[in-house]
Amino acid sequence: MFDDGRLPGNCGVMKIDTDGYDLFVLMGAKRFLMQARPIIFGEFAAHCLKWHGQSIHDVQVFLATQDYELYTRREGWSFAPLRDGEHFVMDALCVPREKRDRVLWCLPQGYDTNTLTL
C-alpha cells in the first residue's frame, strides 16, 4: 500500500508537525480524513501558521467541515475546546465528533460533551 503512495485506511492516529504547513496537509488529506477518521495530534504552532497567513481558527473552521472538533493543549496532556479570541500558542488535538468519547481522559473534569463547555 505504501509503495503505490496510498495510506492505509485503518489509520487510527495521525501526527502532524510541518512548521506552518499544517492546514495545507489537512486540506490535502481531506478524502483520507473522511474515510479513515483518525484522531490527529498536531504541533500546530501559531507563529508558523502565521507565516502562511493562517491561524488555529482557520484550522478549526476547516476541520469543522470534516466533522472534527479541535481541542487545544492546556497543562500536561490536558486539552479543552478552543475558545473564540483565545491566545493560542501550540499543540492541538483534532477529534472526529463520533470518536469524542475516546479522548475524555484528557479533557477537563466537568466537561460537557454535549455542549462543548465546562
PDB file of N, CA and C in Angstrom:
ATOM      1  N   MET A   1       0.822  -1.186   0.000  1.00  0.00           N
ATOM      2  CA  MET A   1       0.000   0.000   0.000  1.00  0.00           C
ATOM      3  C   MET A   1       0.872   1.259   0.000  1.00  0.00           C
ATOM      4  N   PHE A   2       1.915   1.305   0.833  1.00  0.00           N
ATOM      5  CA  PHE A   2       2.783   2.468   0.874  1.00  0.00           C
ATOM      6  C   PHE A   2       3.587   2.609  -0.415  1.00  0.00           C
ATOM      7  N   ASP A   3       3.910   1.486  -1.035  1.00  0.00           N
ATOM      8  CA  ASP A   3       4.716   1.521  -2.249  1.00  0.00           C
ATOM      9  C   ASP A   3       4.029   2.270  -3.386  1.00  0.00           C
ATOM     10  N   ASP A   4       2.700   2.229  -3.427  1.00  0.00           N
ATOM     11  CA  ASP A   4       1.994   2.925  -4.504  1.00  0.00           C
ATOM     12  C   ASP A   4       1.468   4.287  -4.063  1.00  0.00           C
ATOM     13  N   GLY A   5       1.956   4.792  -2.904  1.00  0.00           N
ATOM     14  CA  GLY A   5       1.620   6.144  -2.475  1.00  0.00           C
ATOM     15  C   GLY A   5       0.320   6.288  -1.723  1.00  0.00           C
ATOM     16  N   ARG A   6      -0.280   5.188  -1.334  1.00  0.00           N
ATOM     17  CA  ARG A   6      -1.551   5.257  -0.602  1.00  0.00           C
ATOM     18  C   ARG A   6      -1.313   5.034   0.890  1.00  0.00           C
ATOM     19  N   LEU A   7      -2.147   5.668   1.699  1.00  0.00           N
ATOM     20  CA  LEU A   7      -2.110   5.463   3.143  1.00  0.00           C
ATOM     21  C   LEU A   7      -3.084   4.361   3.517  1.00  0.00           C
ATOM     22  N   PRO A   8      -2.801   3.623   4.584  1.00  0.00           N
ATOM     23  CA  PRO A   8      -3.742   2.576   4.997  1.00  0.00           C
ATOM     24  C   PRO A   8      -5.058   3.183   5.480  1.00  0.00           C
ATOM     25  N   GLY A   9      -6.150   2.565   5.141  1.00  0.00           N
ATOM     26  CA  GLY A   9      -7.465   3.061   5.519  1.00  0.00           C
ATOM     27  C   GLY A   9      -7.818   2.824   6.966  1.00  0.00           C
ATOM     28  N   ASN A  10      -7.004   2.046   7.673  1.00  0.00           N
ATOM     29  CA  ASN A  10      -7.315   1.734   9.068  1.00  0.00           C
ATOM     30  C   ASN A  10      -6.471   2.562  10.040  1.00  0.00           C
ATOM     31  N   CYS A  11      -5.987   3.706   9.613  1.00  0.00           N
ATOM     32  CA  CYS A  11      -5.161   4.576  10.453  1.00  0.00           C
ATOM     33  C   CYS A  11      -6.032   5.170  11.560  1.00  0.00           C
ATOM     34  N   GLY A  12      -5.611   4.985  12.813  1.00  0.00           N
ATOM     35  CA  GLY A  12      -6.392   5.486  13.940  1.00  0.00           C
ATOM     36  C   GLY A  12      -5.876   6.785  14.513  1.00  0.00           C
ATOM     37  N   VAL A  13      -4.572   7.054  14.325  1.00  0.00           N
ATOM     38  CA  VAL A  13      -3.947   8.257  14.873  1.00  0.00           C
ATOM     39  C   VAL A  13      -3.009   8.842  13.829  1.00  0.00           C
ATOM     40  N   MET A  14      -2.979  10.151  13.756  1.00  0.00           N
ATOM     41  CA  MET A  14      -2.121  10.849  12.814  1.00  0.00           C
ATOM     42  C   MET A  14      -1.417  11.970  13.572  1.00  0.00           C
ATOM     43  N   LYS A  15      -0.121  12.149  13.334  1.00  0.00           N
ATOM     44  CA  LYS A  15       0.618  13.248  13.959  1.00  0.00           C
ATOM     45  C   LYS A  15       1.116  14.183  12.866  1.00  0.00           C
ATOM     46  N   ILE A  16       0.933  15.469  13.112  1.00  0.00           N
ATOM     47  CA  ILE A  16       1.370  16.480  12.152  1.00  0.00           C
ATOM     48  C   ILE A  16       2.339  17.432  12.845  1.00  0.00           C
ATOM     49  N   ASP A  17       3.456  17.678  12.216  1.00  0.00           N
ATOM     50  CA  ASP A  17       4.428  18.669  12.671  1.00  0.00           C
ATOM     51  C   ASP A  17       5.123  19.180  11.424  1.00  0.00           C
ATOM     52  N   THR A  18       4.502  20.133  10.758  1.00  0.00           N
ATOM     53  CA  THR A  18       5.006  20.572   9.455  1.00  0.00           C
ATOM     54  C   THR A  18       5.328  22.065   9.413  1.00  0.00           C
ATOM     55  N   ASP A  19       5.600  22.645  10.565  1.00  0.00           N
ATOM     56  CA  ASP A  19       6.081  24.026  10.655  1.00  0.00           C
ATOM     57  C   ASP A  19       5.259  25.025   9.846  1.00  0.00           C
ATOM     58  N   GLY A  20       3.963  25.043  10.096  1.00  0.00           N
ATOM     59  CA  GLY A  20       3.100  26.032   9.468  1.00  0.00           C
ATOM     60  C   GLY A  20       2.357  25.555   8.247  1.00  0.00           C
ATOM     61  N   TYR A  21       2.720  24.409   7.719  1.00  0.00           N
ATOM     62  CA  TYR A  21       2.021  23.854   6.555  1.00  0.00           C
ATOM     63  C   TYR A  21       0.879  22.931   6.987  1.00  0.00           C
ATOM     64  N   ASP A  22       0.570  22.939   8.269  1.00  0.00           N
ATOM     65  CA  ASP A  22      -0.392  22.000   8.839  1.00  0.00           C
ATOM     66  C   ASP A  22      -1.761  22.045   8.161  1.00  0.00           C
ATOM     67  N   LEU A  23      -2.290  23.239   7.953  1.00  0.00           N
ATOM     68  CA  LEU A  23      -3.596  23.349   7.311  1.00  0.00           C
ATOM     69  C   LEU A  23      -3.534  22.821   5.883  1.00  0.00           C
ATOM     70  N   PHE A  24      -2.449  23.086   5.187  1.00  0.00           N
ATOM     71  CA  PHE A  24      -2.296  22.561   3.825  1.00  0.00           C
ATOM     72  C   PHE A  24      -2.280  21.029   3.839  1.00  0.00           C
ATOM     73  N   VAL A  25      -1.607  20.447   4.819  1.00  0.00           N
ATOM     74  CA  VAL A  25      -1.564  18.980   4.950  1.00  0.00           C
ATOM     75  C   VAL A  25      -2.972  18.449   5.169  1.00  0.00           C
ATOM     76  N   LEU A  26      -3.710  19.070   6.067  1.00  0.00           N
ATOM     77  CA  LEU A  26      -5.086  18.620   6.339  1.00  0.00           C
ATOM     78  C   LEU A  26      -5.967  18.759   5.099  1.00  0.00           C
ATOM     79  N   MET A  27      -5.830  19.858   4.400  1.00  0.00           N
ATOM     80  CA  MET A  27      -6.635  20.057   3.196  1.00  0.00           C
ATOM     81  C   MET A  27      -6.293  19.003   2.142  1.00  0.00           C
ATOM     82  N   GLY A  28      -5.019  18.669   2.022  1.00  0.00           N
ATOM     83  CA  GLY A  28      -4.602  17.647   1.067  1.00  0.00           C
ATOM     84  C   GLY A  28      -5.041  16.250   1.467  1.00  0.00           C
ATOM     85  N   ALA A  29      -5.312  16.081   2.743  1.00  0.00           N
ATOM     86  CA  ALA A  29      -5.727  14.771   3.261  1.00  0.00           C
ATOM     87  C   ALA A  29      -7.240  14.678   3.460  1.00  0.00           C
ATOM     88  N   LYS A  30      -7.979  15.577   2.873  1.00  0.00           N
ATOM     89  CA  LYS A  30      -9.432  15.651   3.089  1.00  0.00           C
ATOM     90  C   LYS A  30     -10.131  14.306   2.874  1.00  0.00           C
ATOM     91  N   ARG A  31      -9.870  13.667   1.766  1.00  0.00           N
ATOM     92  CA  ARG A  31     -10.523  12.374   1.483  1.00  0.00           C
ATOM     93  C   ARG A  31     -10.100  11.324   2.509  1.00  0.00           C
ATOM     94  N   PHE A  32      -8.815  11.321   2.859  1.00  0.00           N
ATOM     95  CA  PHE A  32      -8.313  10.392   3.865  1.00  0.00           C
ATOM     96  C   PHE A  32      -8.985  10.629   5.217  1.00  0.00           C
ATOM     97  N   LEU A  33      -9.118  11.889   5.614  1.00  0.00           N
ATOM     98  CA  LEU A  33      -9.767  12.212   6.892  1.00  0.00           C
ATOM     99  C   LEU A  33     -11.217  11.733   6.917  1.00  0.00           C
ATOM    100  N   MET A  34     -11.902  11.892   5.818  1.00  0.00           N
ATOM    101  CA  MET A  34     -13.306  11.475   5.758  1.00  0.00           C
ATOM    102  C   MET A  34     -13.450   9.958   5.756  1.00  0.00           C
ATOM    103  N   GLN A  35     -12.492   9.254   5.206  1.00  0.00           N
ATOM    104  CA  GLN A  35     -12.582   7.797   5.137  1.00  0.00           C
ATOM    105  C   GLN A  35     -12.014   7.120   6.381  1.00  0.00           C
ATOM    106  N   ALA A  36     -10.806   7.463   6.788  1.00  0.00           N
ATOM    107  CA  ALA A  36     -10.144   6.779   7.906  1.00  0.00           C
ATOM    108  C   ALA A  36     -10.561   7.338   9.266  1.00  0.00           C
ATOM    109  N   ARG A  37     -10.887   8.634   9.331  1.00  0.00           N
ATOM    110  CA  ARG A  37     -11.341   9.311  10.555  1.00  0.00           C
ATOM    111  C   ARG A  37     -10.330   9.187  11.701  1.00  0.00           C
ATOM    112  N   PRO A  38      -9.035   9.457  11.454  1.00  0.00           N
ATOM    113  CA  PRO A  38      -8.051   9.341  12.528  1.00  0.00           C
ATOM    114  C   PRO A  38      -8.169  10.488  13.533  1.00  0.00           C
ATOM    115  N   ILE A  39      -7.771  10.222  14.757  1.00  0.00           N
ATOM    116  CA  ILE A  39      -7.563  11.277  15.736  1.00  0.00           C
ATOM    117  C   ILE A  39      -6.215  11.890  15.388  1.00  0.00           C
ATOM    118  N   ILE A  40      -6.115  13.206  15.409  1.00  0.00           N
ATOM    119  CA  ILE A  40      -4.906  13.894  14.965  1.00  0.00           C
ATOM    120  C   ILE A  40      -4.306  14.688  16.117  1.00  0.00           C
ATOM    121  N   PHE A  41      -3.025  14.474  16.364  1.00  0.00           N
ATOM    122  CA  PHE A  41      -2.286  15.356  17.265  1.00  0.00           C
ATOM    123  C   PHE A  41      -1.397  16.200  16.384  1.00  0.00           C
ATOM    124  N   GLY A  42      -1.583  17.497  16.459  1.00  0.00           N
ATOM    125  CA  GLY A  42      -0.788  18.392  15.638  1.00  0.00           C
ATOM    126  C   GLY A  42       0.014  19.364  16.477  1.00  0.00           C
ATOM    127  N   GLU A  43       1.277  19.519  16.107  1.00  0.00           N
ATOM    128  CA  GLU A  43       2.106  20.530  16.758  1.00  0.00           C
ATOM    129  C   GLU A  43       1.915  21.851  16.014  1.00  0.00           C
ATOM    130  N   PHE A  44       0.649  22.226  15.880  1.00  0.00           N
ATOM    131  CA  PHE A  44       0.314  23.483  15.226  1.00  0.00           C
ATOM    132  C   PHE A  44       0.940  24.613  16.046  1.00  0.00           C
ATOM    133  N   ALA A  45       1.795  25.374  15.460  1.00  0.00           N
ATOM    134  CA  ALA A  45       2.423  26.496  16.152  1.00  0.00           C
ATOM    135  C   ALA A  45       1.875  27.789  15.567  1.00  0.00           C
ATOM    136  N   ALA A  46       1.361  28.651  16.424  1.00  0.00           N
ATOM    137  CA  ALA A  46       0.733  29.891  15.968  1.00  0.00           C
ATOM    138  C   ALA A  46       1.672  30.718  15.096  1.00  0.00           C
ATOM    139  N   HIS A  47       2.914  30.845  15.510  1.00  0.00           N
ATOM    140  CA  HIS A  47       3.840  31.680  14.737  1.00  0.00           C
ATOM    141  C   HIS A  47       4.153  31.062  13.369  1.00  0.00           C
ATOM    142  N   CYS A  48       4.151  29.742  13.274  1.00  0.00           N
ATOM    143  CA  CYS A  48       4.406  29.083  11.978  1.00  0.00           C
ATOM    144  C   CYS A  48       3.190  29.200  11.068  1.00  0.00           C
ATOM    145  N   LEU A  49       1.991  29.028  11.612  1.00  0.00           N
ATOM    146  CA  LEU A  49       0.783  29.199  10.806  1.00  0.00           C
ATOM    147  C   LEU A  49       0.722  30.614  10.239  1.00  0.00           C
ATOM    148  N   LYS A  50       1.147  31.569  11.062  1.00  0.00           N
ATOM    149  CA  LYS A  50       1.115  32.975  10.652  1.00  0.00           C
ATOM    150  C   LYS A  50       2.003  33.235   9.431  1.00  0.00           C
ATOM    151  N   TRP A  51       3.091  32.472   9.281  1.00  0.00           N
ATOM    152  CA  TRP A  51       3.954  32.616   8.106  1.00  0.00           C
ATOM    153  C   TRP A  51       3.162  32.454   6.817  1.00  0.00           C
ATOM    154  N   HIS A  52       2.076  31.689   6.891  1.00  0.00           N
ATOM    155  CA  HIS A  52       1.254  31.393   5.712  1.00  0.00           C
ATOM    156  C   HIS A  52      -0.072  32.148   5.736  1.00  0.00           C
ATOM    157  N   GLY A  53      -0.168  33.154   6.611  1.00  0.00           N
ATOM    158  CA  GLY A  53      -1.390  33.945   6.705  1.00  0.00           C
ATOM    159  C   GLY A  53      -2.547  33.175   7.309  1.00  0.00           C
ATOM    160  N   GLN A  54      -2.237  32.190   8.152  1.00  0.00           N
ATOM    161  CA  GLN A  54      -3.268  31.341   8.749  1.00  0.00           C
ATOM    162  C   GLN A  54      -3.202  31.411  10.270  1.00  0.00           C
ATOM    163  N   SER A  55      -4.245  30.868  10.888  1.00  0.00           N
ATOM    164  CA  SER A  55      -4.295  30.796  12.348  1.00  0.00           C
ATOM    165  C   SER A  55      -4.942  29.471  12.738  1.00  0.00           C
ATOM    166  N   ILE A  56      -4.905  29.182  14.019  1.00  0.00           N
ATOM    167  CA  ILE A  56      -5.542  27.956  14.508  1.00  0.00           C
ATOM    168  C   ILE A  56      -7.049  28.002  14.254  1.00  0.00           C
ATOM    169  N   HIS A  57      -7.612  29.202  14.192  1.00  0.00           N
ATOM    170  CA  HIS A  57      -9.043  29.320  13.893  1.00  0.00           C
ATOM    171  C   HIS A  57      -9.341  28.864  12.461  1.00  0.00           C
ATOM    172  N   ASP A  58      -8.414  29.099  11.537  1.00  0.00           N
ATOM    173  CA  ASP A  58      -8.576  28.607  10.167  1.00  0.00           C
ATOM    174  C   ASP A  58      -8.574  27.079  10.149  1.00  0.00           C
ATOM    175  N   VAL A  59      -7.698  26.495  10.941  1.00  0.00           N
ATOM    176  CA  VAL A  59      -7.643  25.033  11.064  1.00  0.00           C
ATOM    177  C   VAL A  59      -8.960  24.528  11.642  1.00  0.00           C
ATOM    178  N   GLN A  60      -9.439  25.188  12.677  1.00  0.00           N
ATOM    179  CA  GLN A  60     -10.692  24.786  13.317  1.00  0.00           C
ATOM    180  C   GLN A  60     -11.871  24.850  12.338  1.00  0.00           C
ATOM    181  N   VAL A  61     -11.938  25.903  11.560  1.00  0.00           N
ATOM    182  CA  VAL A  61     -13.029  26.058  10.577  1.00  0.00           C
ATOM    183  C   VAL A  61     -12.964  24.943   9.540  1.00  0.00           C
ATOM    184  N   PHE A  62     -11.769  24.660   9.014  1.00  0.00           N
ATOM    185  CA  PHE A  62     -11.636  23.585   8.031  1.00  0.00           C
ATOM    186  C   PHE A  62     -12.054  22.244   8.638  1.00  0.00           C
ATOM    187  N   LEU A  63     -11.554  21.951   9.838  1.00  0.00           N
ATOM    188  CA  LEU A  63     -11.873  20.664  10.460  1.00  0.00           C
ATOM    189  C   LEU A  63     -13.357  20.524  10.758  1.00  0.00           C
ATOM    190  N   ALA A  64     -14.016  21.612  11.073  1.00  0.00           N
ATOM    191  CA  ALA A  64     -15.460  21.562  11.323  1.00  0.00           C
ATOM    192  C   ALA A  64     -16.210  21.084  10.079  1.00  0.00           C
ATOM    193  N   THR A  65     -15.707  21.423   8.893  1.00  0.00           N
ATOM    194  CA  THR A  65     -16.356  20.961   7.663  1.00  0.00           C
ATOM    195  C   THR A  65     -16.194  19.455   7.478  1.00  0.00           C
ATOM    196  N   GLN A  66     -15.220  18.882   8.179  1.00  0.00           N
ATOM    197  CA  GLN A  66     -14.981  17.433   8.128  1.00  0.00           C
ATOM    198  C   GLN A  66     -15.585  16.734   9.344  1.00  0.00           C
ATOM    199  N   ASP A  67     -16.357  17.473  10.145  1.00  0.00           N
ATOM    200  CA  ASP A  67     -16.998  16.976  11.363  1.00  0.00           C
ATOM    201  C   ASP A  67     -15.969  16.555  12.416  1.00  0.00           C
ATOM    202  N   TYR A  68     -14.917  17.375  12.528  1.00  0.00           N
ATOM    203  CA  TYR A  68     -13.884  17.211  13.547  1.00  0.00           C
ATOM    204  C   TYR A  68     -14.022  18.330  14.573  1.00  0.00           C
ATOM    205  N   GLU A  69     -13.623  18.041  15.799  1.00  0.00           N
ATOM    206  CA  GLU A  69     -13.560  19.044  16.855  1.00  0.00           C
ATOM    207  C   GLU A  69     -12.098  19.300  17.180  1.00  0.00           C
ATOM    208  N   LEU A  70     -11.778  20.540  17.528  1.00  0.00           N
ATOM    209  CA  LEU A  70     -10.405  20.908  17.826  1.00  0.00           C
ATOM    210  C   LEU A  70     -10.289  21.295  19.298  1.00  0.00           C
ATOM    211  N   TYR A  71      -9.319  20.684  19.965  1.00  0.00           N
ATOM    212  CA  TYR A  71      -9.050  20.947  21.376  1.00  0.00           C
ATOM    213  C   TYR A  71      -7.611  21.431  21.481  1.00  0.00           C
ATOM    214  N   THR A  72      -7.385  22.484  22.255  1.00  0.00           N
ATOM    215  CA  THR A  72      -6.037  22.997  22.423  1.00  0.00           C
ATOM    216  C   THR A  72      -5.429  22.503  23.722  1.00  0.00           C
ATOM    217  N   ARG A  73      -4.121  22.412  23.713  1.00  0.00           N
ATOM    218  CA  ARG A  73      -3.405  21.871  24.866  1.00  0.00           C
ATOM    219  C   ARG A  73      -3.383  22.876  26.008  1.00  0.00           C
ATOM    220  N   ARG A  74      -3.628  22.371  27.192  1.00  0.00           N
ATOM    221  CA  ARG A  74      -3.556  23.177  28.415  1.00  0.00           C
ATOM    222  C   ARG A  74      -2.308  22.771  29.176  1.00  0.00           C
ATOM    223  N   GLU A  75      -2.455  22.259  30.370  1.00  0.00           N
ATOM    224  CA  GLU A  75      -1.312  21.805  31.166  1.00  0.00           C
ATOM    225  C   GLU A  75      -1.109  20.307  30.968  1.00  0.00           C
ATOM    226  N   GLY A  76       0.143  19.889  30.884  1.00  0.00           N
ATOM    227  CA  GLY A  76       0.437  18.470  30.705  1.00  0.00           C
ATOM    228  C   GLY A  76      -0.228  17.946  29.448  1.00  0.00           C
ATOM    229  N   TRP A  77      -1.005  16.898  29.610  1.00  0.00           N
ATOM    230  CA  TRP A  77      -1.740  16.319  28.486  1.00  0.00           C
ATOM    231  C   TRP A  77      -3.224  16.580  28.609  1.00  0.00           C
ATOM    232  N   SER A  78      -3.569  17.742  29.122  1.00  0.00           N
ATOM    233  CA  SER A  78      -4.964  18.162  29.230  1.00  0.00           C
ATOM    234  C   SER A  78      -5.300  19.063  28.042  1.00  0.00           C
ATOM    235  N   PHE A  79      -6.456  18.860  27.465  1.00  0.00           N
ATOM    236  CA  PHE A  79      -6.916  19.629  26.320  1.00  0.00           C
ATOM    237  C   PHE A  79      -8.316  20.170  26.600  1.00  0.00           C
ATOM    238  N   ALA A  80      -8.678  21.255  25.960  1.00  0.00           N
ATOM    239  CA  ALA A  80     -10.009  21.839  26.083  1.00  0.00           C
ATOM    240  C   ALA A  80     -10.371  22.478  24.751  1.00  0.00           C
ATOM    241  N   PRO A  81     -11.670  22.654  24.500  1.00  0.00           N
ATOM    242  CA  PRO A  81     -12.072  23.277  23.229  1.00  0.00           C
ATOM    243  C   PRO A  81     -11.461  24.664  23.065  1.00  0.00           C
ATOM    244  N   LEU A  82     -11.117  24.999  21.839  1.00  0.00           N
ATOM    245  CA  LEU A  82     -10.600  26.323  21.526  1.00  0.00           C
ATOM    246  C   LEU A  82     -11.732  27.328  21.693  1.00  0.00           C
ATOM    247  N   ARG A  83     -11.472  28.378  22.459  1.00  0.00           N
ATOM    248  CA  ARG A  83     -12.481  29.418  22.680  1.00  0.00           C
ATOM    249  C   ARG A  83     -12.215  30.587  21.737  1.00  0.00           C
ATOM    250  N   ASP A  84     -13.286  31.269  21.333  1.00  0.00           N
ATOM    251  CA  ASP A  84     -13.140  32.452  20.486  1.00  0.00           C
ATOM    252  C   ASP A  84     -12.234  33.461  21.158  1.00  0.00           C
ATOM    253  N   GLY A  85     -11.315  34.015  20.403  1.00  0.00           N
ATOM    254  CA  GLY A  85     -10.427  35.039  20.915  1.00  0.00           C
ATOM    255  C   GLY A  85      -9.310  34.530  21.799  1.00  0.00           C
ATOM    256  N   GLU A  86      -9.252  33.220  22.003  1.00  0.00           N
ATOM    257  CA  GLU A  86      -8.221  32.644  22.860  1.00  0.00           C
ATOM    258  C   GLU A  86      -6.849  32.825  22.237  1.00  0.00           C
ATOM    259  N   HIS A  87      -5.881  33.133  23.084  1.00  0.00           N
ATOM    260  CA  HIS A  87      -4.498  33.246  22.619  1.00  0.00           C
ATOM    261  C   HIS A  87      -3.927  31.834  22.515  1.00  0.00           C
ATOM    262  N   PHE A  88      -3.723  31.385  21.306  1.00  0.00           N
ATOM    263  CA  PHE A  88      -3.214  30.039  21.041  1.00  0.00           C
ATOM    264  C   PHE A  88      -1.725  30.105  20.774  1.00  0.00           C
ATOM    265  N   VAL A  89      -0.976  29.146  21.337  1.00  0.00           N
ATOM    266  CA  VAL A  89       0.460  29.099  21.112  1.00  0.00           C
ATOM    267  C   VAL A  89       0.839  27.858  20.305  1.00  0.00           C
ATOM    268  N   MET A  90       0.467  26.671  20.815  1.00  0.00           N
ATOM    269  CA  MET A  90       0.932  25.448  20.156  1.00  0.00           C
ATOM    270  C   MET A  90       0.160  24.230  20.647  1.00  0.00           C
ATOM    271  N   ASP A  91       0.088  23.219  19.818  1.00  0.00           N
ATOM    272  CA  ASP A  91      -0.449  21.882  20.081  1.00  0.00           C
ATOM    273  C   ASP A  91      -1.976  21.840  20.116  1.00  0.00           C
ATOM    274  N   ALA A  92      -2.504  20.933  19.337  1.00  0.00           N
ATOM    275  CA  ALA A  92      -3.953  20.733  19.295  1.00  0.00           C
ATOM    276  C   ALA A  92      -4.256  19.262  19.044  1.00  0.00           C
ATOM    277  N   LEU A  93      -5.384  18.857  19.548  1.00  0.00           N
ATOM    278  CA  LEU A  93      -5.908  17.517  19.338  1.00  0.00           C
ATOM    279  C   LEU A  93      -7.163  17.679  18.489  1.00  0.00           C
ATOM    280  N   CYS A  94      -7.214  16.978  17.367  1.00  0.00           N
ATOM    281  CA  CYS A  94      -8.324  17.080  16.426  1.00  0.00           C
ATOM    282  C   CYS A  94      -9.031  15.729  16.417  1.00  0.00           C
ATOM    283  N   VAL A  95     -10.304  15.753  16.757  1.00  0.00           N
ATOM    284  CA  VAL A  95     -11.023  14.509  17.008  1.00  0.00           C
ATOM    285  C   VAL A  95     -12.298  14.447  16.179  1.00  0.00           C
ATOM    286  N   PRO A  96     -12.496  13.353  15.433  1.00  0.00           N
ATOM    287  CA  PRO A  96     -13.781  13.185  14.751  1.00  0.00           C
ATOM    288  C   PRO A  96     -14.887  13.177  15.805  1.00  0.00           C
ATOM    289  N   ARG A  97     -15.946  13.872  15.529  1.00  0.00           N
ATOM    290  CA  ARG A  97     -17.044  14.011  16.503  1.00  0.00           C
ATOM    291  C   ARG A  97     -17.498  12.655  17.058  1.00  0.00           C
ATOM    292  N   GLU A  98     -17.526  11.647  16.191  1.00  0.00           N
ATOM    293  CA  GLU A  98     -18.019  10.334  16.632  1.00  0.00           C
ATOM    294  C   GLU A  98     -17.018   9.599  17.530  1.00  0.00           C
ATOM    295  N   LYS A  99     -15.779  10.116  17.644  1.00  0.00           N
ATOM    296  CA  LYS A  99     -14.769   9.483  18.489  1.00  0.00           C
ATOM    297  C   LYS A  99     -14.467  10.294  19.746  1.00  0.00           C
ATOM    298  N   ARG A 100     -15.288  11.281  20.032  1.00  0.00           N
ATOM    299  CA  ARG A 100     -15.066  12.151  21.184  1.00  0.00           C
ATOM    300  C   ARG A 100     -14.902  11.370  22.479  1.00  0.00           C
ATOM    301  N   ASP A 101     -15.654  10.296  22.639  1.00  0.00           N
ATOM    302  CA  ASP A 101     -15.582   9.515  23.880  1.00  0.00           C
ATOM    303  C   ASP A 101     -14.205   8.883  24.098  1.00  0.00           C
ATOM    304  N   ARG A 102     -13.396   8.765  23.051  1.00  0.00           N
ATOM    305  CA  ARG A 102     -12.066   8.168  23.179  1.00  0.00           C
ATOM    306  C   ARG A 102     -11.040   9.115  23.784  1.00  0.00           C
ATOM    307  N   VAL A 103     -11.368  10.399  23.855  1.00  0.00           N
ATOM    308  CA  VAL A 103     -10.404  11.369  24.386  1.00  0.00           C
ATOM    309  C   VAL A 103     -10.884  12.028  25.681  1.00  0.00           C
ATOM    310  N   LEU A 104     -11.931  11.510  26.271  1.00  0.00           N
ATOM    311  CA  LEU A 104     -12.450  12.111  27.503  1.00  0.00           C
ATOM    312  C   LEU A 104     -11.412  12.145  28.611  1.00  0.00           C
ATOM    313  N   TRP A 105     -10.480  11.203  28.595  1.00  0.00           N
ATOM    314  CA  TRP A 105      -9.464  11.137  29.646  1.00  0.00           C
ATOM    315  C   TRP A 105      -8.580  12.375  29.670  1.00  0.00           C
ATOM    316  N   CYS A 106      -8.459  13.095  28.565  1.00  0.00           N
ATOM    317  CA  CYS A 106      -7.578  14.264  28.545  1.00  0.00           C
ATOM    318  C   CYS A 106      -8.341  15.587  28.511  1.00  0.00           C
ATOM    319  N   LEU A 107      -9.660  15.529  28.724  1.00  0.00           N
ATOM    320  CA  LEU A 107     -10.455  16.742  28.794  1.00  0.00           C
ATOM    321  C   LEU A 107     -10.684  17.111  30.257  1.00  0.00           C
ATOM    322  N   PRO A 108     -10.888  18.377  30.550  1.00  0.00           N
ATOM    323  CA  PRO A 108     -11.066  18.796  31.944  1.00  0.00           C
ATOM    324  C   PRO A 108     -12.255  18.112  32.605  1.00  0.00           C
ATOM    325  N   GLN A 109     -12.145  17.867  33.905  1.00  0.00           N
ATOM    326  CA  GLN A 109     -13.278  17.315  34.640  1.00  0.00           C
ATOM    327  C   GLN A 109     -14.427  18.308  34.563  1.00  0.00           C
ATOM    328  N   GLY A 110     -15.625  17.801  34.452  1.00  0.00           N
ATOM    329  CA  GLY A 110     -16.794  18.653  34.352  1.00  0.00           C
ATOM    330  C   GLY A 110     -17.111  19.065  32.933  1.00  0.00           C
ATOM    331  N   TYR A 111     -16.353  18.572  31.989  1.00  0.00           N
ATOM    332  CA  TYR A 111     -16.560  18.918  30.583  1.00  0.00           C
ATOM    333  C   TYR A 111     -17.850  18.298  30.089  1.00  0.00           C
ATOM    334  N   ASP A 112     -18.691  19.092  29.468  1.00  0.00           N
ATOM    335  CA  ASP A 112     -19.972  18.630  28.946  1.00  0.00           C
ATOM    336  C   ASP A 112     -19.794  18.284  27.475  1.00  0.00           C
ATOM    337  N   THR A 113     -19.801  17.002  27.157  1.00  0.00           N
ATOM    338  CA  THR A 113     -19.552  16.577  25.776  1.00  0.00           C
ATOM    339  C   THR A 113     -20.710  16.928  24.843  1.00  0.00           C
ATOM    340  N   ASN A 114     -21.840  17.294  25.378  1.00  0.00           N
ATOM    341  CA  ASN A 114     -22.967  17.655  24.518  1.00  0.00           C
ATOM    342  C   ASN A 114     -22.917  19.118  24.090  1.00  0.00           C
ATOM    343  N   THR A 115     -22.408  19.984  24.962  1.00  0.00           N
ATOM    344  CA  THR A 115     -22.408  21.411  24.638  1.00  0.00           C
ATOM    345  C   THR A 115     -21.013  21.962  24.375  1.00  0.00           C
ATOM    346  N   LEU A 116     -19.983  21.144  24.548  1.00  0.00           N
ATOM    347  CA  LEU A 116     -18.608  21.548  24.362  1.00  0.00           C
ATOM    348  C   LEU A 116     -18.193  22.686  25.315  1.00  0.00           C
ATOM    349  N   THR A 117     -18.726  22.655  26.504  1.00  0.00           N
ATOM    350  CA  THR A 117     -18.369  23.665  27.503  1.00  0.00           C
ATOM    351  C   THR A 117     -18.046  23.005  28.825  1.00  0.00           C
ATOM    352  N   LEU A 118     -17.420  23.777  29.695  1.00  0.00           N
ATOM    353  CA  LEU A 118     -17.149  23.322  31.061  1.00  0.00           C
ATOM    354  C   LEU A 118     -18.339  23.628  31.936  1.00  0.00           C
TER     355      LEU A 118
END
